[in-house]
């Protein structure tokens, strides 16, 4: 019985009797493969926290869960914080998944040299030299970490009560890149805080804002991926506005990975 050249799917011969079952099986395999291709293009990788590659032990480590989100179904695959040993140069990390990605699932990373033609395997990352390339074009060249949320705050800003504003700049050490995490903590009861970040000293190019947030009852946190574009001199400019009744001291943390230019 003939087979297709890439997936080796069987199909009926010309004039074959009882051909329909073979044809139906072929169509179902095609449906799975085409759906997998469409789903792959709409799967978004996020999270991971602080990520490091130990070039001595060849272990890739991350301290927060990774999540792979399906835009088509809303399903999420969670890869728990941990490490992947023996991630040698040239290796590919992948997951075995069932289609469609729906509901909440957990995933385990595996390593291989090539993925081959398999719609159940999902590419996660590959190593080339000491550079890690993640899915969805997330190129973390040399994994240039520019801040850690579990370290000292990047900036401490004091704003007066009733609409008091404080501004300044944060040396993020990159020219452009994706910031993954923002955290603000207020030291007194200020329930209507506004946070703004800009890519220029004149504060005309806003890259992020959060309006009327409570940073005192609990820290205000945002783990949504957002892009910092054309940061002048590696500085990110901030403005904190306190609309509450009391003056407050704010600590600001930003964490993520940036791709160095030049």
C-alpha atoms as a PDB file:
ATOM      1  CA  UNK A   1       0.000   0.000   0.000  1.00  0.00           C
ATOM      2  CA  UNK A   2       1.494   3.421  -0.942  1.00  0.00           C
ATOM      3  CA  UNK A   3       2.590   5.993   1.663  1.00  0.00           C
ATOM      4  CA  UNK A   4       3.058   9.757   1.624  1.00  0.00           C
ATOM      5  CA  UNK A   5       6.685  10.859   1.396  1.00  0.00           C
ATOM      6  CA  UNK A   6       6.990  12.800   4.692  1.00  0.00           C
ATOM      7  CA  UNK A   7       4.507  11.472   7.266  1.00  0.00           C
ATOM      8  CA  UNK A   8       4.338   7.989   5.688  1.00  0.00           C
ATOM      9  CA  UNK A   9       0.550   8.026   5.784  1.00  0.00           C
ATOM     10  CA  UNK A  10      -1.108   5.175   3.946  1.00  0.00           C
ATOM     11  CA  UNK A  11      -3.546   5.938   1.157  1.00  0.00           C
ATOM     12  CA  UNK A  12      -5.612   3.747  -1.176  1.00  0.00           C
ATOM     13  CA  UNK A  13      -4.294   2.565  -4.496  1.00  0.00           C
ATOM     14  CA  UNK A  14      -6.140   3.451  -7.656  1.00  0.00           C
ATOM     15  CA  UNK A  15      -9.232   1.260  -8.065  1.00  0.00           C
ATOM     16  CA  UNK A  16      -8.764  -0.390  -4.648  1.00  0.00           C
ATOM     17  CA  UNK A  17     -11.789  -2.056  -3.101  1.00  0.00           C
ATOM     18  CA  UNK A  18     -12.812  -1.205   0.457  1.00  0.00           C
ATOM     19  CA  UNK A  19     -10.843   2.023   0.188  1.00  0.00           C
ATOM     20  CA  UNK A  20     -12.976   4.218   2.433  1.00  0.00           C
ATOM     21  CA  UNK A  21     -11.557   3.106   5.825  1.00  0.00           C
ATOM     22  CA  UNK A  22      -8.037   3.846   4.610  1.00  0.00           C
ATOM     23  CA  UNK A  23      -9.155   7.209   3.232  1.00  0.00           C
ATOM     24  CA  UNK A  24     -10.903   8.117   6.490  1.00  0.00           C
ATOM     25  CA  UNK A  25      -7.800   7.219   8.519  1.00  0.00           C
ATOM     26  CA  UNK A  26      -5.692   9.372   6.200  1.00  0.00           C
ATOM     27  CA  UNK A  27      -8.017  12.356   6.597  1.00  0.00           C
ATOM     28  CA  UNK A  28      -7.984  12.080  10.394  1.00  0.00           C
ATOM     29  CA  UNK A  29      -4.175  12.009  10.436  1.00  0.00           C
ATOM     30  CA  UNK A  30      -4.073  15.062   8.186  1.00  0.00           C
ATOM     31  CA  UNK A  31      -6.554  16.850  10.449  1.00  0.00           C
ATOM     32  CA  UNK A  32      -4.380  16.205  13.525  1.00  0.00           C
ATOM     33  CA  UNK A  33      -1.213  17.369  11.753  1.00  0.00           C
ATOM     34  CA  UNK A  34      -2.739  20.566  10.335  1.00  0.00           C
ATOM     35  CA  UNK A  35      -4.367  21.402  13.682  1.00  0.00           C
ATOM     36  CA  UNK A  36      -1.040  20.847  15.472  1.00  0.00           C
ATOM     37  CA  UNK A  37       0.654  23.236  13.058  1.00  0.00           C
ATOM     38  CA  UNK A  38      -2.009  25.903  13.645  1.00  0.00           C
ATOM     39  CA  UNK A  39      -1.903  25.426  17.417  1.00  0.00           C
ATOM     40  CA  UNK A  40       1.899  25.597  17.497  1.00  0.00           C
ATOM     41  CA  UNK A  41       1.842  29.045  15.900  1.00  0.00           C
ATOM     42  CA  UNK A  42      -0.494  30.312  18.634  1.00  0.00           C
ATOM     43  CA  UNK A  43       1.175  28.850  21.722  1.00  0.00           C
ATOM     44  CA  UNK A  44       2.767  31.531  23.906  1.00  0.00           C
ATOM     45  CA  UNK A  45       5.608  30.863  26.338  1.00  0.00           C
ATOM     46  CA  UNK A  46       5.770  33.019  29.451  1.00  0.00           C
ATOM     47  CA  UNK A  47       7.276  32.975  32.942  1.00  0.00           C
ATOM     48  CA  UNK A  48      10.389  31.162  34.091  1.00  0.00           C
ATOM     49  CA  UNK A  49      11.640  33.897  36.431  1.00  0.00           C
ATOM     50  CA  UNK A  50      15.424  33.970  36.687  1.00  0.00           C
ATOM     51  CA  UNK A  51      16.880  31.567  34.125  1.00  0.00           C
ATOM     52  CA  UNK A  52      20.487  30.430  34.035  1.00  0.00           C
ATOM     53  CA  UNK A  53      22.630  28.010  32.063  1.00  0.00           C
ATOM     54  CA  UNK A  54      25.525  26.437  33.947  1.00  0.00           C
ATOM     55  CA  UNK A  55      28.087  25.859  31.221  1.00  0.00           C
ATOM     56  CA  UNK A  56      30.158  23.643  33.542  1.00  0.00           C
ATOM     57  CA  UNK A  57      27.380  21.195  34.460  1.00  0.00           C
ATOM     58  CA  UNK A  58      25.229  21.903  31.358  1.00  0.00           C
ATOM     59  CA  UNK A  59      22.125  22.352  33.513  1.00  0.00           C
ATOM     60  CA  UNK A  60      19.406  24.852  32.571  1.00  0.00           C
ATOM     61  CA  UNK A  61      17.655  26.217  35.668  1.00  0.00           C
ATOM     62  CA  UNK A  62      14.621  28.456  36.249  1.00  0.00           C
ATOM     63  CA  UNK A  63      13.134  29.606  39.573  1.00  0.00           C
ATOM     64  CA  UNK A  64       9.502  30.246  38.575  1.00  0.00           C
ATOM     65  CA  UNK A  65       7.026  28.115  36.672  1.00  0.00           C
ATOM     66  CA  UNK A  66       6.959  28.323  32.894  1.00  0.00           C
ATOM     67  CA  UNK A  67       3.527  28.491  31.283  1.00  0.00           C
ATOM     68  CA  UNK A  68       2.624  27.647  27.703  1.00  0.00           C
ATOM     69  CA  UNK A  69      -0.704  29.268  26.867  1.00  0.00           C
ATOM     70  CA  UNK A  70      -2.915  28.215  23.972  1.00  0.00           C
ATOM     71  CA  UNK A  71      -4.573  31.222  22.351  1.00  0.00           C
ATOM     72  CA  UNK A  72      -6.977  28.886  20.532  1.00  0.00           C
ATOM     73  CA  UNK A  73      -8.394  27.119  23.592  1.00  0.00           C
ATOM     74  CA  UNK A  74      -7.167  29.050  26.636  1.00  0.00           C
ATOM     75  CA  UNK A  75      -5.478  25.908  27.931  1.00  0.00           C
ATOM     76  CA  UNK A  76      -2.259  26.175  29.936  1.00  0.00           C
ATOM     77  CA  UNK A  77       0.645  23.754  30.272  1.00  0.00           C
ATOM     78  CA  UNK A  78       2.698  24.438  33.405  1.00  0.00           C
ATOM     79  CA  UNK A  79       6.345  23.417  33.684  1.00  0.00           C
ATOM     80  CA  UNK A  80       7.294  23.614  37.350  1.00  0.00           C
ATOM     81  CA  UNK A  81      10.307  25.609  38.496  1.00  0.00           C
ATOM     82  CA  UNK A  82      13.386  23.423  38.474  1.00  0.00           C
ATOM     83  CA  UNK A  83      16.265  22.424  36.246  1.00  0.00           C
ATOM     84  CA  UNK A  84      17.000  20.325  33.184  1.00  0.00           C
ATOM     85  CA  UNK A  85      20.360  18.495  33.392  1.00  0.00           C
ATOM     86  CA  UNK A  86      22.584  17.461  30.500  1.00  0.00           C
ATOM     87  CA  UNK A  87      21.426  20.279  28.228  1.00  0.00           C
ATOM     88  CA  UNK A  88      24.437  19.926  25.957  1.00  0.00           C
ATOM     89  CA  UNK A  89      25.273  22.153  23.010  1.00  0.00           C
ATOM     90  CA  UNK A  90      23.013  21.289  20.077  1.00  0.00           C
ATOM     91  CA  UNK A  91      20.297  19.648  22.173  1.00  0.00           C
ATOM     92  CA  UNK A  92      16.595  20.499  21.845  1.00  0.00           C
ATOM     93  CA  UNK A  93      14.169  20.583  24.782  1.00  0.00           C
ATOM     94  CA  UNK A  94      10.603  19.540  24.025  1.00  0.00           C
ATOM     95  CA  UNK A  95       7.347  18.291  25.565  1.00  0.00           C
ATOM     96  CA  UNK A  96       5.077  15.445  24.572  1.00  0.00           C
ATOM     97  CA  UNK A  97       1.565  16.904  24.464  1.00  0.00           C
ATOM     98  CA  UNK A  98      -1.969  15.847  23.585  1.00  0.00           C
ATOM     99  CA  UNK A  99      -3.966  18.010  21.193  1.00  0.00           C
ATOM    100  CA  UNK A 100      -5.744  20.280  21.763  1.00  0.00           C
ATOM    101  CA  UNK A 101      -4.026  22.065  24.651  1.00  0.00           C
ATOM    102  CA  UNK A 102      -7.043  22.611  26.909  1.00  0.00           C
ATOM    103  CA  UNK A 103      -7.633  22.994  30.614  1.00  0.00           C
ATOM    104  CA  UNK A 104      -4.741  22.995  33.083  1.00  0.00           C
ATOM    105  CA  UNK A 105      -1.955  20.486  32.552  1.00  0.00           C
ATOM    106  CA  UNK A 106       1.563  19.886  33.718  1.00  0.00           C
ATOM    107  CA  UNK A 107       4.446  19.208  31.363  1.00  0.00           C
ATOM    108  CA  UNK A 108       7.859  17.581  31.617  1.00  0.00           C
ATOM    109  CA  UNK A 109      10.792  18.654  29.470  1.00  0.00           C
ATOM    110  CA  UNK A 110      12.741  16.071  27.505  1.00  0.00           C
ATOM    111  CA  UNK A 111      15.895  16.366  25.407  1.00  0.00           C
ATOM    112  CA  UNK A 112      16.590  15.189  21.887  1.00  0.00           C
ATOM    113  CA  UNK A 113      18.852  15.902  18.929  1.00  0.00           C
ATOM    114  CA  UNK A 114      16.020  16.339  16.401  1.00  0.00           C
ATOM    115  CA  UNK A 115      12.254  16.504  16.788  1.00  0.00           C
ATOM    116  CA  UNK A 116      11.472  14.765  13.515  1.00  0.00           C
ATOM    117  CA  UNK A 117       7.990  14.690  12.043  1.00  0.00           C
ATOM    118  CA  UNK A 118       5.787  14.257  15.103  1.00  0.00           C
ATOM    119  CA  UNK A 119       2.746  16.447  15.763  1.00  0.00           C
ATOM    120  CA  UNK A 120       2.708  15.383  19.432  1.00  0.00           C
ATOM    121  CA  UNK A 121       6.127  16.888  20.167  1.00  0.00           C
ATOM    122  CA  UNK A 122       6.252  20.556  21.118  1.00  0.00           C
ATOM    123  CA  UNK A 123       9.461  22.560  20.713  1.00  0.00           C
ATOM    124  CA  UNK A 124      10.490  24.433  23.869  1.00  0.00           C
ATOM    125  CA  UNK A 125      14.103  25.577  23.522  1.00  0.00           C
ATOM    126  CA  UNK A 126      17.425  24.761  21.902  1.00  0.00           C
ATOM    127  CA  UNK A 127      21.019  25.399  22.834  1.00  0.00           C
ATOM    128  CA  UNK A 128      23.611  26.686  20.393  1.00  0.00           C
ATOM    129  CA  UNK A 129      26.936  27.287  22.094  1.00  0.00           C
ATOM    130  CA  UNK A 130      26.133  29.185  25.278  1.00  0.00           C
ATOM    131  CA  UNK A 131      23.024  30.815  23.808  1.00  0.00           C
ATOM    132  CA  UNK A 132      19.510  29.569  24.538  1.00  0.00           C
ATOM    133  CA  UNK A 133      16.767  30.028  21.960  1.00  0.00           C
ATOM    134  CA  UNK A 134      13.221  29.641  23.255  1.00  0.00           C
ATOM    135  CA  UNK A 135      10.003  29.137  21.279  1.00  0.00           C
ATOM    136  CA  UNK A 136       8.017  32.091  19.932  1.00  0.00           C
ATOM    137  CA  UNK A 137      11.163  33.900  18.792  1.00  0.00           C
ATOM    138  CA  UNK A 138      12.287  34.511  22.388  1.00  0.00           C
ATOM    139  CA  UNK A 139      16.035  34.794  21.795  1.00  0.00           C
ATOM    140  CA  UNK A 140      17.672  35.239  25.181  1.00  0.00           C
ATOM    141  CA  UNK A 141      21.145  35.810  23.829  1.00  0.00           C
ATOM    142  CA  UNK A 142      23.650  34.998  26.590  1.00  0.00           C
ATOM    143  CA  UNK A 143      20.597  35.340  28.885  1.00  0.00           C
ATOM    144  CA  UNK A 144      21.427  38.906  29.884  1.00  0.00           C
ATOM    145  CA  UNK A 145      19.666  39.263  33.222  1.00  0.00           C
ATOM    146  CA  UNK A 146      19.203  42.941  34.079  1.00  0.00           C
ATOM    147  CA  UNK A 147      17.358  42.695  37.395  1.00  0.00           C
ATOM    148  CA  UNK A 148      16.255  40.254  40.058  1.00  0.00           C
ATOM    149  CA  UNK A 149      13.044  40.650  42.002  1.00  0.00           C
ATOM    150  CA  UNK A 150      14.439  38.711  44.949  1.00  0.00           C
ATOM    151  CA  UNK A 151      17.401  41.081  45.251  1.00  0.00           C
ATOM    152  CA  UNK A 152      17.420  44.647  46.575  1.00  0.00           C
ATOM    153  CA  UNK A 153      14.836  46.966  45.081  1.00  0.00           C
ATOM    154  CA  UNK A 154      15.924  48.725  41.916  1.00  0.00           C
ATOM    155  CA  UNK A 155      14.685  52.072  43.155  1.00  0.00           C
ATOM    156  CA  UNK A 156      13.125  53.557  46.293  1.00  0.00           C
ATOM    157  CA  UNK A 157      10.938  56.588  45.626  1.00  0.00           C
ATOM    158  CA  UNK A 158       9.172  58.868  48.107  1.00  0.00           C
ATOM    159  CA  UNK A 159       5.943  60.584  46.993  1.00  0.00           C
ATOM    160  CA  UNK A 160       3.923  63.070  49.031  1.00  0.00           C
ATOM    161  CA  UNK A 161       0.211  62.677  49.725  1.00  0.00           C
ATOM    162  CA  UNK A 162      -2.736  63.739  47.617  1.00  0.00           C
ATOM    163  CA  UNK A 163      -1.360  63.566  44.099  1.00  0.00           C
ATOM    164  CA  UNK A 164       2.320  63.857  44.931  1.00  0.00           C
ATOM    165  CA  UNK A 165       4.592  62.624  42.152  1.00  0.00           C
ATOM    166  CA  UNK A 166       8.167  61.401  42.131  1.00  0.00           C
ATOM    167  CA  UNK A 167      10.162  60.545  39.022  1.00  0.00           C
ATOM    168  CA  UNK A 168      13.602  59.366  38.027  1.00  0.00           C
ATOM    169  CA  UNK A 169      15.433  56.755  35.996  1.00  0.00           C
ATOM    170  CA  UNK A 170      16.400  53.118  36.438  1.00  0.00           C
ATOM    171  CA  UNK A 171      19.605  51.732  34.876  1.00  0.00           C
ATOM    172  CA  UNK A 172      18.281  48.494  33.372  1.00  0.00           C
ATOM    173  CA  UNK A 173      21.468  47.968  31.398  1.00  0.00           C
ATOM    174  CA  UNK A 174      19.778  47.254  28.060  1.00  0.00           C
ATOM    175  CA  UNK A 175      18.790  49.261  25.027  1.00  0.00           C
ATOM    176  CA  UNK A 176      15.682  47.257  24.236  1.00  0.00           C
ATOM    177  CA  UNK A 177      14.071  44.050  25.360  1.00  0.00           C
ATOM    178  CA  UNK A 178      11.143  42.380  27.067  1.00  0.00           C
ATOM    179  CA  UNK A 179      10.504  43.098  30.756  1.00  0.00           C
ATOM    180  CA  UNK A 180       8.795  40.221  32.450  1.00  0.00           C
ATOM    181  CA  UNK A 181       7.901  41.358  35.935  1.00  0.00           C
ATOM    182  CA  UNK A 182       7.075  44.542  37.810  1.00  0.00           C
ATOM    183  CA  UNK A 183       6.502  44.786  41.546  1.00  0.00           C
ATOM    184  CA  UNK A 184       5.741  47.857  43.670  1.00  0.00           C
ATOM    185  CA  UNK A 185       5.492  48.032  47.471  1.00  0.00           C
ATOM    186  CA  UNK A 186       4.199  51.073  49.391  1.00  0.00           C
ATOM    187  CA  UNK A 187       5.294  51.748  52.965  1.00  0.00           C
ATOM    188  CA  UNK A 188       2.094  53.508  54.093  1.00  0.00           C
ATOM    189  CA  UNK A 189      -1.604  53.445  53.335  1.00  0.00           C
ATOM    190  CA  UNK A 190      -1.823  54.660  49.734  1.00  0.00           C
ATOM    191  CA  UNK A 191      -4.576  52.873  47.848  1.00  0.00           C
ATOM    192  CA  UNK A 192      -4.598  54.834  44.592  1.00  0.00           C
ATOM    193  CA  UNK A 193      -1.061  54.695  43.229  1.00  0.00           C
ATOM    194  CA  UNK A 194      -0.229  55.224  39.563  1.00  0.00           C
ATOM    195  CA  UNK A 195       2.964  53.805  38.029  1.00  0.00           C
ATOM    196  CA  UNK A 196       4.331  54.876  34.646  1.00  0.00           C
ATOM    197  CA  UNK A 197       7.477  53.935  32.751  1.00  0.00           C
ATOM    198  CA  UNK A 198       8.960  55.727  29.752  1.00  0.00           C
ATOM    199  CA  UNK A 199      11.761  54.993  27.310  1.00  0.00           C
ATOM    200  CA  UNK A 200      12.928  58.617  27.024  1.00  0.00           C
ATOM    201  CA  UNK A 201      14.107  61.336  29.409  1.00  0.00           C
ATOM    202  CA  UNK A 202      11.300  63.666  28.310  1.00  0.00           C
ATOM    203  CA  UNK A 203       8.764  60.990  29.372  1.00  0.00           C
ATOM    204  CA  UNK A 204       6.795  61.159  26.133  1.00  0.00           C
ATOM    205  CA  UNK A 205       7.239  57.529  25.056  1.00  0.00           C
ATOM    206  CA  UNK A 206       5.237  55.556  27.610  1.00  0.00           C
ATOM    207  CA  UNK A 207       5.935  51.814  27.628  1.00  0.00           C
ATOM    208  CA  UNK A 208       3.854  50.821  30.668  1.00  0.00           C
ATOM    209  CA  UNK A 209       1.262  52.242  33.025  1.00  0.00           C
ATOM    210  CA  UNK A 210      -0.842  50.986  35.926  1.00  0.00           C
ATOM    211  CA  UNK A 211      -3.473  53.405  37.211  1.00  0.00           C
ATOM    212  CA  UNK A 212      -5.050  53.595  40.690  1.00  0.00           C
ATOM    213  CA  UNK A 213      -3.417  50.487  42.143  1.00  0.00           C
ATOM    214  CA  UNK A 214      -3.172  49.472  45.787  1.00  0.00           C
ATOM    215  CA  UNK A 215       0.483  48.810  46.581  1.00  0.00           C
ATOM    216  CA  UNK A 216       0.126  48.860  50.359  1.00  0.00           C
ATOM    217  CA  UNK A 217      -2.407  46.222  51.428  1.00  0.00           C
ATOM    218  CA  UNK A 218      -0.328  43.831  49.338  1.00  0.00           C
ATOM    219  CA  UNK A 219       2.401  44.487  46.757  1.00  0.00           C
ATOM    220  CA  UNK A 220       1.140  45.452  43.326  1.00  0.00           C
ATOM    221  CA  UNK A 221       2.557  42.905  40.870  1.00  0.00           C
ATOM    222  CA  UNK A 222       2.312  42.513  37.112  1.00  0.00           C
ATOM    223  CA  UNK A 223       3.875  39.507  35.390  1.00  0.00           C
ATOM    224  CA  UNK A 224       2.568  40.351  31.933  1.00  0.00           C
ATOM    225  CA  UNK A 225       5.248  40.436  29.256  1.00  0.00           C
ATOM    226  CA  UNK A 226       5.747  43.944  27.917  1.00  0.00           C
ATOM    227  CA  UNK A 227       8.248  45.446  25.541  1.00  0.00           C
ATOM    228  CA  UNK A 228      10.790  48.175  26.245  1.00  0.00           C
ATOM    229  CA  UNK A 229      11.710  49.812  22.973  1.00  0.00           C
ATOM    230  CA  UNK A 230      14.663  52.110  22.216  1.00  0.00           C
ATOM    231  CA  UNK A 231      15.627  52.839  25.810  1.00  0.00           C
ATOM    232  CA  UNK A 232      18.023  55.791  25.794  1.00  0.00           C
ATOM    233  CA  UNK A 233      21.399  54.965  27.283  1.00  0.00           C
ATOM    234  CA  UNK A 234      20.096  51.860  29.016  1.00  0.00           C
ATOM    235  CA  UNK A 235      17.871  53.966  31.313  1.00  0.00           C
ATOM    236  CA  UNK A 236      14.190  53.352  31.964  1.00  0.00           C
ATOM    237  CA  UNK A 237      12.346  56.407  33.300  1.00  0.00           C
ATOM    238  CA  UNK A 238       9.668  56.101  35.968  1.00  0.00           C
ATOM    239  CA  UNK A 239       6.948  58.281  37.466  1.00  0.00           C
ATOM    240  CA  UNK A 240       5.033  57.321  40.605  1.00  0.00           C
ATOM    241  CA  UNK A 241       1.944  59.293  41.562  1.00  0.00           C
ATOM    242  CA  UNK A 242       0.444  58.978  45.044  1.00  0.00           C
ATOM    243  CA  UNK A 243      -3.264  59.821  45.110  1.00  0.00           C
ATOM    244  CA  UNK A 244      -3.769  58.584  48.667  1.00  0.00           C
ATOM    245  CA  UNK A 245      -4.113  60.586  51.853  1.00  0.00           C
ATOM    246  CA  UNK A 246      -0.676  59.745  53.238  1.00  0.00           C
ATOM    247  CA  UNK A 247       2.839  60.254  51.890  1.00  0.00           C
ATOM    248  CA  UNK A 248       4.625  57.016  51.124  1.00  0.00           C
ATOM    249  CA  UNK A 249       7.914  55.443  50.178  1.00  0.00           C
ATOM    250  CA  UNK A 250       7.683  53.064  47.229  1.00  0.00           C
ATOM    251  CA  UNK A 251      10.140  50.326  46.292  1.00  0.00           C
ATOM    252  CA  UNK A 252      10.074  49.289  42.641  1.00  0.00           C
ATOM    253  CA  UNK A 253      11.385  46.021  41.242  1.00  0.00           C
ATOM    254  CA  UNK A 254      11.613  45.068  37.579  1.00  0.00           C
ATOM    255  CA  UNK A 255      12.883  41.714  36.341  1.00  0.00           C
ATOM    256  CA  UNK A 256      13.273  40.104  32.951  1.00  0.00           C
ATOM    257  CA  UNK A 257      15.663  39.441  30.146  1.00  0.00           C
ATOM    258  CA  UNK A 258      16.880  41.923  27.579  1.00  0.00           C
ATOM    259  CA  UNK A 259      18.578  41.425  24.269  1.00  0.00           C
ATOM    260  CA  UNK A 260      21.619  43.672  24.053  1.00  0.00           C
ATOM    261  CA  UNK A 261      21.993  45.717  20.909  1.00  0.00           C
ATOM    262  CA  UNK A 262      25.206  46.108  18.971  1.00  0.00           C
END
